[in-house]
Amino acid sequence: MNNFKYAIICVDDDFLILQTLKFQLSKCIDDRCVLIESFLSPEDALLTIEDLVEVGLNMIFVIVDFQMPEMNGAKFIRAVKDRHPEIPCLMLSGEANAIQIEELESDDLLFSFIGKPWSETHLINAMQPWLSKVKC
């Protein structure tokens, strides 16, 4: 039986990026109550977000790449925010479209953009306002 109260969703089409994110995040969260899910498919991530919200998990945030084959990160964020405007979204990308990033920021849909390669410290600092709210 798990005691998860929170979830973090990571979406990228590169498996190694997802593994690195999971490793870095695991250093600063309590894995007894925070579930970290990673997805190569944005569509699968959207379905899982719905399932996790339905069972009562609080989404701490979503981390998403921009350039993915099925759906770009901007479209993914808009899909998340259409259903769950309270879920903070962070984009982590090396090939983002500056115009779409600016539109997401001006529409208040993106709390942070971090370029690849990223520093672990920069990533953790960007997420700290949401991580500090976690009470296990």
N, C-alpha and C. Protein backbone atom coordinates (compact mmCIF):
# COMPACT_ATOMS: atom_id res chain seq x y z
N MET A 1 0.85 -1.19 0.00
CA MET A 1 0.00 0.00 0.00
C MET A 1 0.88 1.24 0.00
N ASN A 2 0.64 2.16 -0.95
CA ASN A 2 1.45 3.36 -0.97
C ASN A 2 0.74 4.49 -0.24
N ASN A 3 1.54 5.47 0.15
CA ASN A 3 1.02 6.63 0.87
C ASN A 3 1.24 7.90 0.07
N PHE A 4 1.23 7.79 -1.24
CA PHE A 4 1.49 8.95 -2.07
C PHE A 4 0.38 9.99 -1.89
N LYS A 5 0.81 11.23 -1.68
CA LYS A 5 -0.11 12.36 -1.59
C LYS A 5 0.10 13.31 -2.77
N TYR A 6 1.29 13.25 -3.35
CA TYR A 6 1.70 14.20 -4.37
C TYR A 6 2.30 13.46 -5.57
N ALA A 7 2.34 14.17 -6.70
CA ALA A 7 2.97 13.60 -7.88
C ALA A 7 3.70 14.69 -8.66
N ILE A 8 4.78 14.28 -9.28
CA ILE A 8 5.55 15.10 -10.22
C ILE A 8 5.55 14.32 -11.52
N ILE A 9 5.23 15.00 -12.61
CA ILE A 9 5.19 14.37 -13.93
C ILE A 9 6.32 14.94 -14.77
N CYS A 10 7.11 14.06 -15.38
CA CYS A 10 8.19 14.46 -16.28
C CYS A 10 7.91 13.88 -17.66
N VAL A 11 8.00 14.72 -18.69
CA VAL A 11 7.70 14.29 -20.06
C VAL A 11 8.83 14.72 -20.98
N ASP A 12 9.46 13.74 -21.63
CA ASP A 12 10.54 14.02 -22.57
C ASP A 12 10.65 12.81 -23.48
N ASP A 13 11.05 13.02 -24.72
CA ASP A 13 11.19 11.89 -25.63
C ASP A 13 12.56 11.22 -25.54
N ASP A 14 13.37 11.64 -24.57
CA ASP A 14 14.70 11.06 -24.36
C ASP A 14 14.71 10.34 -23.01
N PHE A 15 14.85 9.02 -23.06
CA PHE A 15 14.82 8.21 -21.84
C PHE A 15 15.91 8.62 -20.85
N LEU A 16 17.09 8.95 -21.33
CA LEU A 16 18.19 9.34 -20.43
C LEU A 16 17.89 10.64 -19.69
N ILE A 17 17.23 11.57 -20.37
CA ILE A 17 16.82 12.81 -19.71
C ILE A 17 15.84 12.50 -18.58
N LEU A 18 14.88 11.63 -18.86
CA LEU A 18 13.90 11.26 -17.83
C LEU A 18 14.58 10.59 -16.63
N GLN A 19 15.54 9.72 -16.90
CA GLN A 19 16.25 9.05 -15.81
C GLN A 19 17.04 10.06 -14.97
N THR A 20 17.66 11.02 -15.64
CA THR A 20 18.43 12.04 -14.94
C THR A 20 17.51 12.90 -14.08
N LEU A 21 16.38 13.32 -14.65
CA LEU A 21 15.42 14.11 -13.88
C LEU A 21 14.94 13.36 -12.64
N LYS A 22 14.60 12.11 -12.83
CA LYS A 22 14.10 11.30 -11.71
C LYS A 22 15.17 11.19 -10.61
N PHE A 23 16.41 11.00 -11.03
CA PHE A 23 17.52 10.90 -10.06
C PHE A 23 17.70 12.22 -9.32
N GLN A 24 17.71 13.33 -10.05
CA GLN A 24 17.91 14.63 -9.41
C GLN A 24 16.74 14.99 -8.50
N LEU A 25 15.53 14.73 -8.93
CA LEU A 25 14.37 15.03 -8.10
C LEU A 25 14.32 14.17 -6.85
N SER A 26 14.75 12.92 -6.98
CA SER A 26 14.70 12.01 -5.83
C SER A 26 15.60 12.48 -4.69
N LYS A 27 16.57 13.32 -4.97
CA LYS A 27 17.46 13.84 -3.94
C LYS A 27 16.78 14.88 -3.05
N CYS A 28 15.71 15.51 -3.55
CA CYS A 28 15.13 16.62 -2.80
C CYS A 28 13.67 16.42 -2.44
N ILE A 29 13.14 15.22 -2.64
CA ILE A 29 11.75 14.96 -2.26
C ILE A 29 11.68 13.76 -1.33
N ASP A 30 10.58 13.64 -0.67
CA ASP A 30 10.34 12.48 0.19
C ASP A 30 9.58 11.45 -0.64
N ASP A 31 10.28 10.41 -1.05
CA ASP A 31 9.67 9.42 -1.93
C ASP A 31 8.65 8.52 -1.23
N ARG A 32 8.44 8.75 0.06
CA ARG A 32 7.39 8.01 0.76
C ARG A 32 6.02 8.59 0.44
N CYS A 33 5.97 9.88 0.05
CA CYS A 33 4.67 10.49 -0.23
C CYS A 33 4.61 11.19 -1.58
N VAL A 34 5.75 11.25 -2.29
CA VAL A 34 5.76 11.91 -3.60
C VAL A 34 6.10 10.88 -4.68
N LEU A 35 5.20 10.75 -5.63
CA LEU A 35 5.37 9.87 -6.77
C LEU A 35 5.98 10.67 -7.91
N ILE A 36 7.07 10.16 -8.50
CA ILE A 36 7.65 10.78 -9.68
C ILE A 36 7.36 9.85 -10.85
N GLU A 37 6.59 10.34 -11.81
CA GLU A 37 6.25 9.56 -13.00
C GLU A 37 6.92 10.19 -14.20
N SER A 38 7.48 9.36 -15.07
CA SER A 38 8.12 9.87 -16.28
C SER A 38 7.50 9.22 -17.51
N PHE A 39 7.42 10.01 -18.57
CA PHE A 39 6.74 9.56 -19.79
C PHE A 39 7.51 9.98 -21.03
N LEU A 40 7.61 9.05 -21.96
CA LEU A 40 8.15 9.35 -23.28
C LEU A 40 7.05 9.91 -24.18
N SER A 41 5.81 9.61 -23.84
CA SER A 41 4.65 10.01 -24.64
C SER A 41 3.83 11.09 -23.92
N PRO A 42 3.67 12.27 -24.53
CA PRO A 42 2.83 13.30 -23.93
C PRO A 42 1.38 12.85 -23.75
N GLU A 43 0.87 12.09 -24.70
CA GLU A 43 -0.52 11.60 -24.60
C GLU A 43 -0.69 10.71 -23.37
N ASP A 44 0.26 9.81 -23.14
CA ASP A 44 0.20 8.95 -21.96
C ASP A 44 0.28 9.78 -20.67
N ALA A 45 1.11 10.81 -20.69
CA ALA A 45 1.24 11.67 -19.51
C ALA A 45 -0.07 12.38 -19.22
N LEU A 46 -0.74 12.88 -20.25
CA LEU A 46 -2.03 13.56 -20.05
C LEU A 46 -3.06 12.63 -19.43
N LEU A 47 -3.11 11.40 -19.91
CA LEU A 47 -4.05 10.42 -19.35
C LEU A 47 -3.73 10.11 -17.89
N THR A 48 -2.45 9.98 -17.60
CA THR A 48 -2.05 9.66 -16.22
C THR A 48 -2.33 10.82 -15.28
N ILE A 49 -2.12 12.04 -15.75
CA ILE A 49 -2.45 13.19 -14.91
C ILE A 49 -3.92 13.13 -14.51
N GLU A 50 -4.78 12.85 -15.47
CA GLU A 50 -6.22 12.73 -15.18
C GLU A 50 -6.47 11.66 -14.13
N ASP A 51 -5.83 10.50 -14.30
CA ASP A 51 -6.02 9.40 -13.35
C ASP A 51 -5.53 9.77 -11.95
N LEU A 52 -4.37 10.40 -11.87
CA LEU A 52 -3.80 10.74 -10.56
C LEU A 52 -4.63 11.81 -9.85
N VAL A 53 -5.10 12.79 -10.60
CA VAL A 53 -5.96 13.82 -10.01
C VAL A 53 -7.27 13.19 -9.53
N GLU A 54 -7.80 12.27 -10.32
CA GLU A 54 -9.06 11.62 -9.97
C GLU A 54 -8.96 10.84 -8.66
N VAL A 55 -7.81 10.21 -8.40
CA VAL A 55 -7.65 9.45 -7.15
C VAL A 55 -7.18 10.32 -5.99
N GLY A 56 -7.03 11.64 -6.23
CA GLY A 56 -6.76 12.56 -5.14
C GLY A 56 -5.32 12.98 -4.93
N LEU A 57 -4.42 12.63 -5.83
CA LEU A 57 -3.04 13.10 -5.67
C LEU A 57 -2.94 14.55 -6.09
N ASN A 58 -2.15 15.29 -5.36
CA ASN A 58 -1.88 16.69 -5.67
C ASN A 58 -0.69 16.74 -6.62
N MET A 59 -0.85 17.45 -7.72
CA MET A 59 0.26 17.62 -8.66
C MET A 59 1.15 18.74 -8.17
N ILE A 60 2.40 18.42 -7.89
CA ILE A 60 3.33 19.46 -7.46
C ILE A 60 3.70 20.32 -8.66
N PHE A 61 4.08 19.67 -9.75
CA PHE A 61 4.35 20.34 -11.00
C PHE A 61 4.58 19.33 -12.10
N VAL A 62 4.63 19.85 -13.33
CA VAL A 62 4.91 19.07 -14.52
C VAL A 62 6.18 19.65 -15.14
N ILE A 63 7.11 18.78 -15.52
CA ILE A 63 8.30 19.19 -16.26
C ILE A 63 8.18 18.60 -17.65
N VAL A 64 8.33 19.43 -18.67
CA VAL A 64 8.11 18.95 -20.04
C VAL A 64 9.18 19.51 -20.99
N ASP A 65 9.56 18.69 -21.93
CA ASP A 65 10.45 19.10 -23.02
C ASP A 65 9.62 19.88 -24.04
N PHE A 66 10.27 20.65 -24.89
CA PHE A 66 9.53 21.34 -25.95
C PHE A 66 9.39 20.46 -27.18
N GLN A 67 10.52 19.98 -27.69
CA GLN A 67 10.54 19.28 -28.97
C GLN A 67 10.32 17.78 -28.76
N MET A 68 9.10 17.32 -29.08
CA MET A 68 8.77 15.91 -28.98
C MET A 68 7.99 15.51 -30.22
N PRO A 69 8.08 14.25 -30.66
CA PRO A 69 7.44 13.85 -31.91
C PRO A 69 5.91 13.91 -31.92
N GLU A 70 5.27 13.49 -30.85
CA GLU A 70 3.80 13.43 -30.84
C GLU A 70 3.14 14.79 -30.67
N MET A 71 3.72 15.61 -29.80
CA MET A 71 3.10 16.88 -29.41
C MET A 71 4.20 17.74 -28.82
N ASN A 72 4.27 19.00 -29.20
CA ASN A 72 5.32 19.82 -28.60
C ASN A 72 4.92 20.23 -27.18
N GLY A 73 5.91 20.70 -26.43
CA GLY A 73 5.69 21.03 -25.03
C GLY A 73 4.69 22.14 -24.80
N ALA A 74 4.64 23.12 -25.73
CA ALA A 74 3.68 24.22 -25.58
C ALA A 74 2.25 23.69 -25.68
N LYS A 75 2.01 22.82 -26.63
CA LYS A 75 0.67 22.23 -26.78
C LYS A 75 0.33 21.37 -25.56
N PHE A 76 1.31 20.63 -25.07
CA PHE A 76 1.11 19.80 -23.88
C PHE A 76 0.72 20.66 -22.68
N ILE A 77 1.47 21.74 -22.46
CA ILE A 77 1.18 22.62 -21.32
C ILE A 77 -0.22 23.21 -21.44
N ARG A 78 -0.59 23.64 -22.63
CA ARG A 78 -1.93 24.19 -22.82
C ARG A 78 -3.00 23.14 -22.53
N ALA A 79 -2.74 21.88 -22.91
CA ALA A 79 -3.70 20.81 -22.62
C ALA A 79 -3.82 20.57 -21.12
N VAL A 80 -2.68 20.58 -20.42
CA VAL A 80 -2.71 20.41 -18.96
C VAL A 80 -3.48 21.56 -18.31
N LYS A 81 -3.14 22.78 -18.69
CA LYS A 81 -3.73 23.97 -18.07
C LYS A 81 -5.21 24.13 -18.40
N ASP A 82 -5.64 23.64 -19.57
CA ASP A 82 -7.07 23.69 -19.89
C ASP A 82 -7.89 22.90 -18.88
N ARG A 83 -7.35 21.77 -18.45
CA ARG A 83 -8.07 20.90 -17.50
C ARG A 83 -7.74 21.21 -16.05
N HIS A 84 -6.48 21.63 -15.81
CA HIS A 84 -6.00 21.81 -14.44
C HIS A 84 -5.15 23.08 -14.35
N PRO A 85 -5.77 24.23 -14.32
CA PRO A 85 -5.01 25.49 -14.33
C PRO A 85 -4.11 25.67 -13.11
N GLU A 86 -4.35 24.92 -12.05
CA GLU A 86 -3.56 25.06 -10.83
C GLU A 86 -2.23 24.32 -10.89
N ILE A 87 -2.02 23.45 -11.87
CA ILE A 87 -0.79 22.67 -11.94
C ILE A 87 0.32 23.52 -12.55
N PRO A 88 1.40 23.77 -11.79
CA PRO A 88 2.52 24.53 -12.32
C PRO A 88 3.28 23.71 -13.38
N CYS A 89 3.74 24.40 -14.42
CA CYS A 89 4.47 23.74 -15.50
C CYS A 89 5.82 24.40 -15.71
N LEU A 90 6.83 23.57 -15.84
CA LEU A 90 8.19 23.99 -16.11
C LEU A 90 8.62 23.36 -17.42
N MET A 91 9.27 24.13 -18.28
CA MET A 91 9.77 23.56 -19.53
C MET A 91 11.28 23.47 -19.45
N LEU A 92 11.79 22.31 -19.85
CA LEU A 92 13.21 22.02 -19.85
C LEU A 92 13.55 21.59 -21.26
N SER A 93 14.26 22.46 -22.01
CA SER A 93 14.45 22.14 -23.42
C SER A 93 15.71 22.79 -23.98
N GLY A 94 16.26 22.15 -24.99
CA GLY A 94 17.39 22.70 -25.72
C GLY A 94 16.99 23.25 -27.07
N GLU A 95 15.75 23.01 -27.47
CA GLU A 95 15.30 23.42 -28.80
C GLU A 95 13.92 24.05 -28.76
N ALA A 96 13.70 24.94 -27.84
CA ALA A 96 12.38 25.55 -27.70
C ALA A 96 12.18 26.70 -28.68
N ASN A 97 10.94 26.92 -29.03
CA ASN A 97 10.54 28.03 -29.88
C ASN A 97 10.33 29.25 -28.98
N ALA A 98 11.18 30.27 -29.14
CA ALA A 98 11.13 31.44 -28.25
C ALA A 98 9.78 32.13 -28.26
N ILE A 99 9.14 32.19 -29.41
CA ILE A 99 7.83 32.86 -29.50
C ILE A 99 6.79 32.09 -28.68
N GLN A 100 6.78 30.77 -28.81
CA GLN A 100 5.81 29.98 -28.05
C GLN A 100 6.09 30.04 -26.54
N ILE A 101 7.37 30.10 -26.17
CA ILE A 101 7.71 30.22 -24.74
C ILE A 101 7.20 31.55 -24.20
N GLU A 102 7.43 32.62 -24.95
CA GLU A 102 6.94 33.95 -24.53
C GLU A 102 5.42 33.97 -24.42
N GLU A 103 4.73 33.32 -25.35
CA GLU A 103 3.27 33.26 -25.29
C GLU A 103 2.80 32.51 -24.04
N LEU A 104 3.46 31.38 -23.73
CA LEU A 104 3.09 30.62 -22.52
C LEU A 104 3.32 31.47 -21.27
N GLU A 105 4.44 32.18 -21.24
CA GLU A 105 4.73 33.02 -20.07
C GLU A 105 3.75 34.18 -19.97
N SER A 106 3.45 34.83 -21.10
CA SER A 106 2.52 35.96 -21.05
C SER A 106 1.10 35.51 -20.72
N ASP A 107 0.75 34.27 -21.06
CA ASP A 107 -0.56 33.72 -20.70
C ASP A 107 -0.55 33.12 -19.29
N ASP A 108 0.56 33.27 -18.59
CA ASP A 108 0.74 32.77 -17.22
C ASP A 108 0.53 31.25 -17.13
N LEU A 109 1.05 30.53 -18.13
CA LEU A 109 0.93 29.08 -18.16
C LEU A 109 2.24 28.37 -17.82
N LEU A 110 3.33 29.10 -17.83
CA LEU A 110 4.65 28.52 -17.62
C LEU A 110 5.34 29.25 -16.48
N PHE A 111 5.71 28.54 -15.42
CA PHE A 111 6.35 29.22 -14.30
C PHE A 111 7.84 29.34 -14.49
N SER A 112 8.44 28.49 -15.36
CA SER A 112 9.88 28.59 -15.57
C SER A 112 10.28 27.87 -16.84
N PHE A 113 11.30 28.41 -17.48
CA PHE A 113 11.93 27.75 -18.62
C PHE A 113 13.40 27.58 -18.28
N ILE A 114 13.89 26.36 -18.46
CA ILE A 114 15.31 26.07 -18.23
C ILE A 114 15.86 25.40 -19.47
N GLY A 115 16.96 25.92 -19.97
CA GLY A 115 17.58 25.35 -21.16
C GLY A 115 18.41 24.12 -20.84
N LYS A 116 18.48 23.23 -21.82
CA LYS A 116 19.35 22.06 -21.71
C LYS A 116 20.69 22.42 -22.34
N PRO A 117 21.77 21.95 -21.82
CA PRO A 117 21.89 21.20 -20.56
C PRO A 117 21.64 22.13 -19.37
N TRP A 118 21.13 21.56 -18.30
CA TRP A 118 20.77 22.33 -17.13
C TRP A 118 21.66 21.96 -15.97
N SER A 119 21.69 22.85 -15.00
CA SER A 119 22.39 22.54 -13.75
C SER A 119 21.35 22.03 -12.76
N GLU A 120 21.72 21.03 -12.01
CA GLU A 120 20.80 20.47 -11.01
C GLU A 120 20.38 21.54 -10.02
N THR A 121 21.31 22.38 -9.62
CA THR A 121 21.00 23.44 -8.67
C THR A 121 19.96 24.40 -9.23
N HIS A 122 20.11 24.79 -10.48
CA HIS A 122 19.15 25.69 -11.12
C HIS A 122 17.76 25.05 -11.17
N LEU A 123 17.72 23.79 -11.52
CA LEU A 123 16.45 23.06 -11.59
C LEU A 123 15.77 23.02 -10.21
N ILE A 124 16.50 22.62 -9.21
CA ILE A 124 15.93 22.50 -7.86
C ILE A 124 15.51 23.87 -7.33
N ASN A 125 16.32 24.89 -7.58
CA ASN A 125 15.95 26.25 -7.14
C ASN A 125 14.67 26.73 -7.81
N ALA A 126 14.49 26.41 -9.09
CA ALA A 126 13.29 26.83 -9.81
C ALA A 126 12.04 26.15 -9.23
N MET A 127 12.20 24.93 -8.75
CA MET A 127 11.05 24.17 -8.24
C MET A 127 10.82 24.35 -6.75
N GLN A 128 11.74 24.98 -6.06
CA GLN A 128 11.69 25.08 -4.61
C GLN A 128 10.39 25.66 -4.06
N PRO A 129 9.79 26.69 -4.69
CA PRO A 129 8.51 27.19 -4.12
C PRO A 129 7.43 26.12 -4.03
N TRP A 130 7.42 25.17 -4.94
CA TRP A 130 6.40 24.12 -4.92
C TRP A 130 6.86 22.96 -4.05
N LEU A 131 8.14 22.66 -4.05
CA LEU A 131 8.64 21.57 -3.22
C LEU A 131 8.48 21.91 -1.74
N SER A 132 8.61 23.18 -1.39
CA SER A 132 8.50 23.58 0.02
C SER A 132 7.08 23.41 0.56
N LYS A 133 6.09 23.28 -0.30
CA LYS A 133 4.70 23.11 0.13
C LYS A 133 4.36 21.67 0.45
N VAL A 134 5.24 20.75 0.12
CA VAL A 134 4.98 19.32 0.32
C VAL A 134 5.09 18.99 1.81
N LYS A 135 4.02 18.42 2.34
CA LYS A 135 3.97 17.99 3.75
C LYS A 135 3.58 16.52 3.79
N CYS A 136 4.55 15.69 4.12
CA CYS A 136 4.31 14.25 4.13
C CYS A 136 3.85 13.76 5.49
